[in-house]
């Protein structure tokens, strides 16, 4: 998979791309991630990428030219272009799964007050990570890349993916490790029994119980 991140602040991705699962996925050749400063594609002499909004108003708006020119250079027939904006579809695991199926993903990070509306004619999907405001799209882009890359076959084990939260609209079951007793807190006996069928039944019941208590909204979500 190829992922291109269009941003005005490429330095924000340095540590993120050189650690942990993202780094290992790159080393295995499972993903190629490019961070592109779209300011480099501005046709203006001073490389300006923003300007005041027509009609007045506070803040600065990202102009069309640099975005259009950059997409002209990097877009492939397989590309799926994502714009990060508060008005987009709320991001969740089902969206991550759909994005992981593309061969080429382009993520456009905003900044300032917003985008010239005409930029939206160049994108396939608009995504929001929630109902709050950030300075720019760089942190959401990291979040999306992390959640997508780990779904690429071979990045992590299929068994790990199968047991994670949000599969089947349920949170993950409670996990324990050694020691079996610590400060009077005991691991449930069933997990020490070695009876795998009963352990699986216990875990399924705990998933349902936990989801009902903490995220009952998931139980009625049919979109995963």
C-alpha atoms as a PDB file:
ATOM      1  CA  UNK A   1       0.000   0.000   0.000  1.00  0.00           C
ATOM      2  CA  UNK A   2       1.123   3.543  -0.709  1.00  0.00           C
ATOM      3  CA  UNK A   3       0.052   6.440   1.500  1.00  0.00           C
ATOM      4  CA  UNK A   4       0.774  10.067   0.612  1.00  0.00           C
ATOM      5  CA  UNK A   5       0.196  12.681   3.309  1.00  0.00           C
ATOM      6  CA  UNK A   6      -0.163  16.261   2.061  1.00  0.00           C
ATOM      7  CA  UNK A   7       0.712  18.755   4.781  1.00  0.00           C
ATOM      8  CA  UNK A   8       2.287  22.133   5.510  1.00  0.00           C
ATOM      9  CA  UNK A   9       4.135  20.686   8.513  1.00  0.00           C
ATOM     10  CA  UNK A  10       6.008  17.528   7.434  1.00  0.00           C
ATOM     11  CA  UNK A  11       8.227  17.586  10.530  1.00  0.00           C
ATOM     12  CA  UNK A  12       5.231  16.610  12.665  1.00  0.00           C
ATOM     13  CA  UNK A  13       5.361  13.094  11.186  1.00  0.00           C
ATOM     14  CA  UNK A  14       9.043  12.299  11.779  1.00  0.00           C
ATOM     15  CA  UNK A  15       8.792  10.403  15.062  1.00  0.00           C
ATOM     16  CA  UNK A  16       5.460   8.839  14.215  1.00  0.00           C
ATOM     17  CA  UNK A  17       6.744   7.184  11.038  1.00  0.00           C
ATOM     18  CA  UNK A  18       9.989   5.880  12.534  1.00  0.00           C
ATOM     19  CA  UNK A  19       8.644   3.933  15.513  1.00  0.00           C
ATOM     20  CA  UNK A  20       6.804   0.739  16.362  1.00  0.00           C
ATOM     21  CA  UNK A  21       4.374  -0.978  13.958  1.00  0.00           C
ATOM     22  CA  UNK A  22       4.472   1.770  11.310  1.00  0.00           C
ATOM     23  CA  UNK A  23       8.256   1.499  11.044  1.00  0.00           C
ATOM     24  CA  UNK A  24       8.208  -2.305  10.868  1.00  0.00           C
ATOM     25  CA  UNK A  25       5.483  -2.306   8.204  1.00  0.00           C
ATOM     26  CA  UNK A  26       7.661  -0.050   6.072  1.00  0.00           C
ATOM     27  CA  UNK A  27      10.729  -2.205   6.595  1.00  0.00           C
ATOM     28  CA  UNK A  28       8.742  -5.275   5.482  1.00  0.00           C
ATOM     29  CA  UNK A  29       7.709  -3.468   2.299  1.00  0.00           C
ATOM     30  CA  UNK A  30       4.025  -3.672   3.216  1.00  0.00           C
ATOM     31  CA  UNK A  31       3.497   0.091   3.080  1.00  0.00           C
ATOM     32  CA  UNK A  32       5.254   3.124   1.644  1.00  0.00           C
ATOM     33  CA  UNK A  33       4.425   6.414   3.328  1.00  0.00           C
ATOM     34  CA  UNK A  34       5.375   9.734   1.746  1.00  0.00           C
ATOM     35  CA  UNK A  35       5.003  13.074   3.525  1.00  0.00           C
ATOM     36  CA  UNK A  36       4.608  15.867   1.003  1.00  0.00           C
ATOM     37  CA  UNK A  37       4.766  19.588   1.725  1.00  0.00           C
ATOM     38  CA  UNK A  38       2.148  20.961  -0.639  1.00  0.00           C
ATOM     39  CA  UNK A  39       3.616  24.446  -0.212  1.00  0.00           C
ATOM     40  CA  UNK A  40       6.270  23.279  -2.686  1.00  0.00           C
ATOM     41  CA  UNK A  41       3.551  23.145  -5.348  1.00  0.00           C
ATOM     42  CA  UNK A  42       2.369  26.725  -4.955  1.00  0.00           C
ATOM     43  CA  UNK A  43       2.814  28.641  -8.231  1.00  0.00           C
ATOM     44  CA  UNK A  44       3.086  31.960  -6.403  1.00  0.00           C
ATOM     45  CA  UNK A  45       6.541  33.587  -6.096  1.00  0.00           C
ATOM     46  CA  UNK A  46       6.447  33.567  -2.281  1.00  0.00           C
ATOM     47  CA  UNK A  47       4.978  30.024  -2.158  1.00  0.00           C
ATOM     48  CA  UNK A  48       1.826  31.368  -0.524  1.00  0.00           C
ATOM     49  CA  UNK A  49      -0.840  28.723   0.112  1.00  0.00           C
ATOM     50  CA  UNK A  50      -3.541  30.693   1.968  1.00  0.00           C
ATOM     51  CA  UNK A  51      -5.442  33.937   1.664  1.00  0.00           C
ATOM     52  CA  UNK A  52      -8.281  35.950   3.175  1.00  0.00           C
ATOM     53  CA  UNK A  53     -11.796  34.667   2.438  1.00  0.00           C
ATOM     54  CA  UNK A  54     -13.990  36.307  -0.185  1.00  0.00           C
ATOM     55  CA  UNK A  55     -16.905  38.020   1.507  1.00  0.00           C
ATOM     56  CA  UNK A  56     -14.894  38.715   4.635  1.00  0.00           C
ATOM     57  CA  UNK A  57     -14.502  36.791   7.851  1.00  0.00           C
ATOM     58  CA  UNK A  58     -11.854  35.737  10.318  1.00  0.00           C
ATOM     59  CA  UNK A  59      -8.858  33.557   9.535  1.00  0.00           C
ATOM     60  CA  UNK A  60      -7.136  32.417   6.375  1.00  0.00           C
ATOM     61  CA  UNK A  61      -8.345  29.886   3.796  1.00  0.00           C
ATOM     62  CA  UNK A  62      -6.166  27.392   1.892  1.00  0.00           C
ATOM     63  CA  UNK A  63      -6.068  28.325  -1.774  1.00  0.00           C
ATOM     64  CA  UNK A  64      -6.761  25.905  -4.624  1.00  0.00           C
ATOM     65  CA  UNK A  65      -3.537  26.059  -6.609  1.00  0.00           C
ATOM     66  CA  UNK A  66      -1.050  24.145  -4.439  1.00  0.00           C
ATOM     67  CA  UNK A  67      -3.559  21.366  -3.672  1.00  0.00           C
ATOM     68  CA  UNK A  68      -4.595  20.919  -7.307  1.00  0.00           C
ATOM     69  CA  UNK A  69      -1.003  21.007  -8.571  1.00  0.00           C
ATOM     70  CA  UNK A  70       0.195  18.525  -5.958  1.00  0.00           C
ATOM     71  CA  UNK A  71      -2.624  16.093  -6.712  1.00  0.00           C
ATOM     72  CA  UNK A  72      -1.856  16.370 -10.432  1.00  0.00           C
ATOM     73  CA  UNK A  73       1.679  15.132  -9.695  1.00  0.00           C
ATOM     74  CA  UNK A  74       1.049  12.380  -7.149  1.00  0.00           C
ATOM     75  CA  UNK A  75      -2.373  10.975  -8.000  1.00  0.00           C
ATOM     76  CA  UNK A  76      -2.472   7.504  -9.574  1.00  0.00           C
ATOM     77  CA  UNK A  77      -5.392   5.563 -11.106  1.00  0.00           C
ATOM     78  CA  UNK A  78      -5.646   3.627  -7.830  1.00  0.00           C
ATOM     79  CA  UNK A  79      -5.671   6.698  -5.593  1.00  0.00           C
ATOM     80  CA  UNK A  80      -8.402   7.382  -3.054  1.00  0.00           C
ATOM     81  CA  UNK A  81      -8.194  11.000  -1.877  1.00  0.00           C
ATOM     82  CA  UNK A  82      -9.256  11.868   1.674  1.00  0.00           C
ATOM     83  CA  UNK A  83      -9.760  15.398   2.946  1.00  0.00           C
ATOM     84  CA  UNK A  84      -9.675  15.928   6.714  1.00  0.00           C
ATOM     85  CA  UNK A  85     -12.408  18.318   7.832  1.00  0.00           C
ATOM     86  CA  UNK A  86     -14.913  18.634  10.718  1.00  0.00           C
ATOM     87  CA  UNK A  87     -17.767  18.325   8.227  1.00  0.00           C
ATOM     88  CA  UNK A  88     -16.751  14.823   7.163  1.00  0.00           C
ATOM     89  CA  UNK A  89     -17.950  11.342   8.044  1.00  0.00           C
ATOM     90  CA  UNK A  90     -17.054  10.460  11.631  1.00  0.00           C
ATOM     91  CA  UNK A  91     -14.073   8.124  11.667  1.00  0.00           C
ATOM     92  CA  UNK A  92     -14.460   4.663  13.156  1.00  0.00           C
ATOM     93  CA  UNK A  93     -13.201   1.124  12.650  1.00  0.00           C
ATOM     94  CA  UNK A  94     -15.470   0.385   9.702  1.00  0.00           C
ATOM     95  CA  UNK A  95     -14.004   3.394   7.861  1.00  0.00           C
ATOM     96  CA  UNK A  96     -10.471   2.253   8.706  1.00  0.00           C
ATOM     97  CA  UNK A  97     -11.266  -1.161   7.228  1.00  0.00           C
ATOM     98  CA  UNK A  98     -12.583   0.346   4.011  1.00  0.00           C
ATOM     99  CA  UNK A  99      -9.519   2.606   3.630  1.00  0.00           C
ATOM    100  CA  UNK A 100      -7.156  -0.318   4.175  1.00  0.00           C
ATOM    101  CA  UNK A 101      -8.445  -1.926   0.967  1.00  0.00           C
ATOM    102  CA  UNK A 102      -7.095   0.805  -1.303  1.00  0.00           C
ATOM    103  CA  UNK A 103      -3.722   0.447  -3.021  1.00  0.00           C
ATOM    104  CA  UNK A 104      -3.038   4.182  -2.836  1.00  0.00           C
ATOM    105  CA  UNK A 105      -4.350   6.546  -0.182  1.00  0.00           C
ATOM    106  CA  UNK A 106      -3.847  10.318  -0.282  1.00  0.00           C
ATOM    107  CA  UNK A 107      -4.623  12.265   2.901  1.00  0.00           C
ATOM    108  CA  UNK A 108      -4.889  16.061   2.770  1.00  0.00           C
ATOM    109  CA  UNK A 109      -4.217  17.877   6.043  1.00  0.00           C
ATOM    110  CA  UNK A 110      -5.827  21.264   6.458  1.00  0.00           C
ATOM    111  CA  UNK A 111      -4.730  24.240   8.488  1.00  0.00           C
ATOM    112  CA  UNK A 112      -5.876  27.790   9.131  1.00  0.00           C
ATOM    113  CA  UNK A 113      -9.617  28.481   8.792  1.00  0.00           C
ATOM    114  CA  UNK A 114     -10.381  25.862   6.177  1.00  0.00           C
ATOM    115  CA  UNK A 115     -10.208  24.958   2.486  1.00  0.00           C
ATOM    116  CA  UNK A 116     -11.394  26.770  -0.597  1.00  0.00           C
ATOM    117  CA  UNK A 117     -14.619  24.895  -1.374  1.00  0.00           C
ATOM    118  CA  UNK A 118     -13.403  24.040  -4.875  1.00  0.00           C
ATOM    119  CA  UNK A 119     -10.744  21.731  -3.433  1.00  0.00           C
ATOM    120  CA  UNK A 120     -13.543  19.322  -2.501  1.00  0.00           C
ATOM    121  CA  UNK A 121     -14.088  18.601  -6.193  1.00  0.00           C
ATOM    122  CA  UNK A 122     -10.754  16.744  -6.143  1.00  0.00           C
ATOM    123  CA  UNK A 123     -11.442  14.400  -3.220  1.00  0.00           C
ATOM    124  CA  UNK A 124     -13.246  11.077  -2.873  1.00  0.00           C
ATOM    125  CA  UNK A 125     -14.058  11.231   0.824  1.00  0.00           C
ATOM    126  CA  UNK A 126     -14.162  13.760   3.667  1.00  0.00           C
ATOM    127  CA  UNK A 127     -13.385  12.451   7.155  1.00  0.00           C
ATOM    128  CA  UNK A 128     -13.681  13.933  10.647  1.00  0.00           C
ATOM    129  CA  UNK A 129     -12.178  12.299  13.739  1.00  0.00           C
ATOM    130  CA  UNK A 130     -14.750  13.882  16.051  1.00  0.00           C
ATOM    131  CA  UNK A 131     -16.722  16.905  17.115  1.00  0.00           C
ATOM    132  CA  UNK A 132     -13.858  19.074  18.284  1.00  0.00           C
ATOM    133  CA  UNK A 133     -11.417  21.511  16.704  1.00  0.00           C
ATOM    134  CA  UNK A 134      -7.675  21.011  16.217  1.00  0.00           C
ATOM    135  CA  UNK A 135      -5.039  23.360  14.848  1.00  0.00           C
ATOM    136  CA  UNK A 136      -4.571  21.242  11.745  1.00  0.00           C
ATOM    137  CA  UNK A 137      -5.049  17.842  10.167  1.00  0.00           C
ATOM    138  CA  UNK A 138      -1.673  16.373  11.083  1.00  0.00           C
ATOM    139  CA  UNK A 139      -2.735  14.606  14.284  1.00  0.00           C
ATOM    140  CA  UNK A 140      -5.881  13.170  12.636  1.00  0.00           C
ATOM    141  CA  UNK A 141      -3.713  11.989   9.727  1.00  0.00           C
ATOM    142  CA  UNK A 142      -1.437  10.120  12.155  1.00  0.00           C
ATOM    143  CA  UNK A 143      -4.473   8.527  13.759  1.00  0.00           C
ATOM    144  CA  UNK A 144      -5.873   7.396  10.413  1.00  0.00           C
ATOM    145  CA  UNK A 145      -2.553   6.078   9.114  1.00  0.00           C
ATOM    146  CA  UNK A 146      -1.956   4.100  12.314  1.00  0.00           C
ATOM    147  CA  UNK A 147      -5.414   2.516  12.282  1.00  0.00           C
ATOM    148  CA  UNK A 148      -5.202   1.677   8.560  1.00  0.00           C
ATOM    149  CA  UNK A 149      -1.650   0.319   8.414  1.00  0.00           C
ATOM    150  CA  UNK A 150      -2.244  -2.193  11.197  1.00  0.00           C
ATOM    151  CA  UNK A 151      -5.077  -3.688   9.080  1.00  0.00           C
ATOM    152  CA  UNK A 152      -2.809  -4.375   6.093  1.00  0.00           C
ATOM    153  CA  UNK A 153      -2.298  -8.156   5.826  1.00  0.00           C
ATOM    154  CA  UNK A 154       1.026  -9.159   7.359  1.00  0.00           C
ATOM    155  CA  UNK A 155       1.485  -6.080   9.540  1.00  0.00           C
ATOM    156  CA  UNK A 156       0.129  -7.782  12.667  1.00  0.00           C
ATOM    157  CA  UNK A 157      -1.273 -11.262  13.168  1.00  0.00           C
ATOM    158  CA  UNK A 158      -4.784 -12.118  12.019  1.00  0.00           C
ATOM    159  CA  UNK A 159      -5.475 -13.549  15.480  1.00  0.00           C
ATOM    160  CA  UNK A 160      -4.696 -10.207  17.123  1.00  0.00           C
ATOM    161  CA  UNK A 161      -7.006  -8.365  14.728  1.00  0.00           C
ATOM    162  CA  UNK A 162      -9.842 -10.822  15.269  1.00  0.00           C
ATOM    163  CA  UNK A 163      -9.932 -10.254  19.018  1.00  0.00           C
ATOM    164  CA  UNK A 164      -9.772  -6.460  19.047  1.00  0.00           C
ATOM    165  CA  UNK A 165     -12.342  -3.936  20.156  1.00  0.00           C
ATOM    166  CA  UNK A 166     -15.115  -2.982  17.700  1.00  0.00           C
ATOM    167  CA  UNK A 167     -15.145  -6.322  15.917  1.00  0.00           C
ATOM    168  CA  UNK A 168     -18.793  -7.445  15.870  1.00  0.00           C
ATOM    169  CA  UNK A 169     -19.726  -4.123  17.509  1.00  0.00           C
ATOM    170  CA  UNK A 170     -18.236  -5.217  20.819  1.00  0.00           C
ATOM    171  CA  UNK A 171     -15.422  -3.929  22.997  1.00  0.00           C
ATOM    172  CA  UNK A 172     -12.505  -6.233  23.728  1.00  0.00           C
ATOM    173  CA  UNK A 173     -12.808  -8.655  26.636  1.00  0.00           C
ATOM    174  CA  UNK A 174     -10.845  -7.983  29.874  1.00  0.00           C
ATOM    175  CA  UNK A 175      -7.223  -9.114  29.679  1.00  0.00           C
ATOM    176  CA  UNK A 176      -4.945 -10.385  32.472  1.00  0.00           C
ATOM    177  CA  UNK A 177      -1.340 -11.559  32.757  1.00  0.00           C
ATOM    178  CA  UNK A 178       1.057 -12.754  35.471  1.00  0.00           C
ATOM    179  CA  UNK A 179       1.037 -12.779  38.465  1.00  0.00           C
ATOM    180  CA  UNK A 180      -2.238 -14.601  39.090  1.00  0.00           C
ATOM    181  CA  UNK A 181      -2.698 -12.710  42.363  1.00  0.00           C
ATOM    182  CA  UNK A 182      -1.384  -9.215  43.064  1.00  0.00           C
ATOM    183  CA  UNK A 183      -2.221  -7.182  46.170  1.00  0.00           C
ATOM    184  CA  UNK A 184      -5.257  -9.366  46.733  1.00  0.00           C
ATOM    185  CA  UNK A 185      -6.517  -8.879  43.165  1.00  0.00           C
ATOM    186  CA  UNK A 186      -7.059 -12.251  41.489  1.00  0.00           C
ATOM    187  CA  UNK A 187      -7.245 -13.291  37.866  1.00  0.00           C
ATOM    188  CA  UNK A 188     -10.644 -14.992  37.225  1.00  0.00           C
ATOM    189  CA  UNK A 189     -10.379 -18.726  37.851  1.00  0.00           C
ATOM    190  CA  UNK A 190     -11.826 -19.604  34.453  1.00  0.00           C
ATOM    191  CA  UNK A 191      -8.782 -18.100  32.706  1.00  0.00           C
ATOM    192  CA  UNK A 192      -6.485 -20.406  34.683  1.00  0.00           C
ATOM    193  CA  UNK A 193      -8.552 -23.524  33.986  1.00  0.00           C
ATOM    194  CA  UNK A 194      -7.080 -24.445  30.614  1.00  0.00           C
ATOM    195  CA  UNK A 195     -10.616 -25.160  29.341  1.00  0.00           C
ATOM    196  CA  UNK A 196     -10.519 -23.190  26.093  1.00  0.00           C
ATOM    197  CA  UNK A 197     -14.170 -23.617  25.152  1.00  0.00           C
ATOM    198  CA  UNK A 198     -15.320 -22.248  28.492  1.00  0.00           C
ATOM    199  CA  UNK A 199     -12.721 -19.487  28.322  1.00  0.00           C
ATOM    200  CA  UNK A 200     -14.096 -18.407  24.927  1.00  0.00           C
ATOM    201  CA  UNK A 201     -17.651 -18.437  26.293  1.00  0.00           C
ATOM    202  CA  UNK A 202     -16.553 -16.375  29.301  1.00  0.00           C
ATOM    203  CA  UNK A 203     -14.779 -13.853  27.085  1.00  0.00           C
ATOM    204  CA  UNK A 204     -17.794 -13.450  24.794  1.00  0.00           C
ATOM    205  CA  UNK A 205     -20.082 -12.832  27.768  1.00  0.00           C
ATOM    206  CA  UNK A 206     -17.596 -10.331  29.194  1.00  0.00           C
ATOM    207  CA  UNK A 207     -17.446  -8.509  25.853  1.00  0.00           C
ATOM    208  CA  UNK A 208     -21.227  -8.151  25.817  1.00  0.00           C
ATOM    209  CA  UNK A 209     -21.339  -7.079  29.469  1.00  0.00           C
ATOM    210  CA  UNK A 210     -18.536  -4.528  29.032  1.00  0.00           C
ATOM    211  CA  UNK A 211     -20.053  -3.067  25.870  1.00  0.00           C
ATOM    212  CA  UNK A 212     -23.502  -2.734  27.462  1.00  0.00           C
ATOM    213  CA  UNK A 213     -21.980  -0.927  30.442  1.00  0.00           C
ATOM    214  CA  UNK A 214     -19.470   1.335  28.678  1.00  0.00           C
ATOM    215  CA  UNK A 215     -20.613   1.710  25.051  1.00  0.00           C
ATOM    216  CA  UNK A 216     -24.259   0.645  24.681  1.00  0.00           C
ATOM    217  CA  UNK A 217     -24.426   2.719  21.484  1.00  0.00           C
ATOM    218  CA  UNK A 218     -22.247   0.126  19.747  1.00  0.00           C
ATOM    219  CA  UNK A 219     -24.787  -2.616  20.275  1.00  0.00           C
ATOM    220  CA  UNK A 220     -27.184  -0.916  17.896  1.00  0.00           C
ATOM    221  CA  UNK A 221     -24.559   0.120  15.326  1.00  0.00           C
ATOM    222  CA  UNK A 222     -25.004  -2.016  12.219  1.00  0.00           C
ATOM    223  CA  UNK A 223     -22.344  -0.282  10.168  1.00  0.00           C
ATOM    224  CA  UNK A 224     -19.278  -2.213  11.251  1.00  0.00           C
END
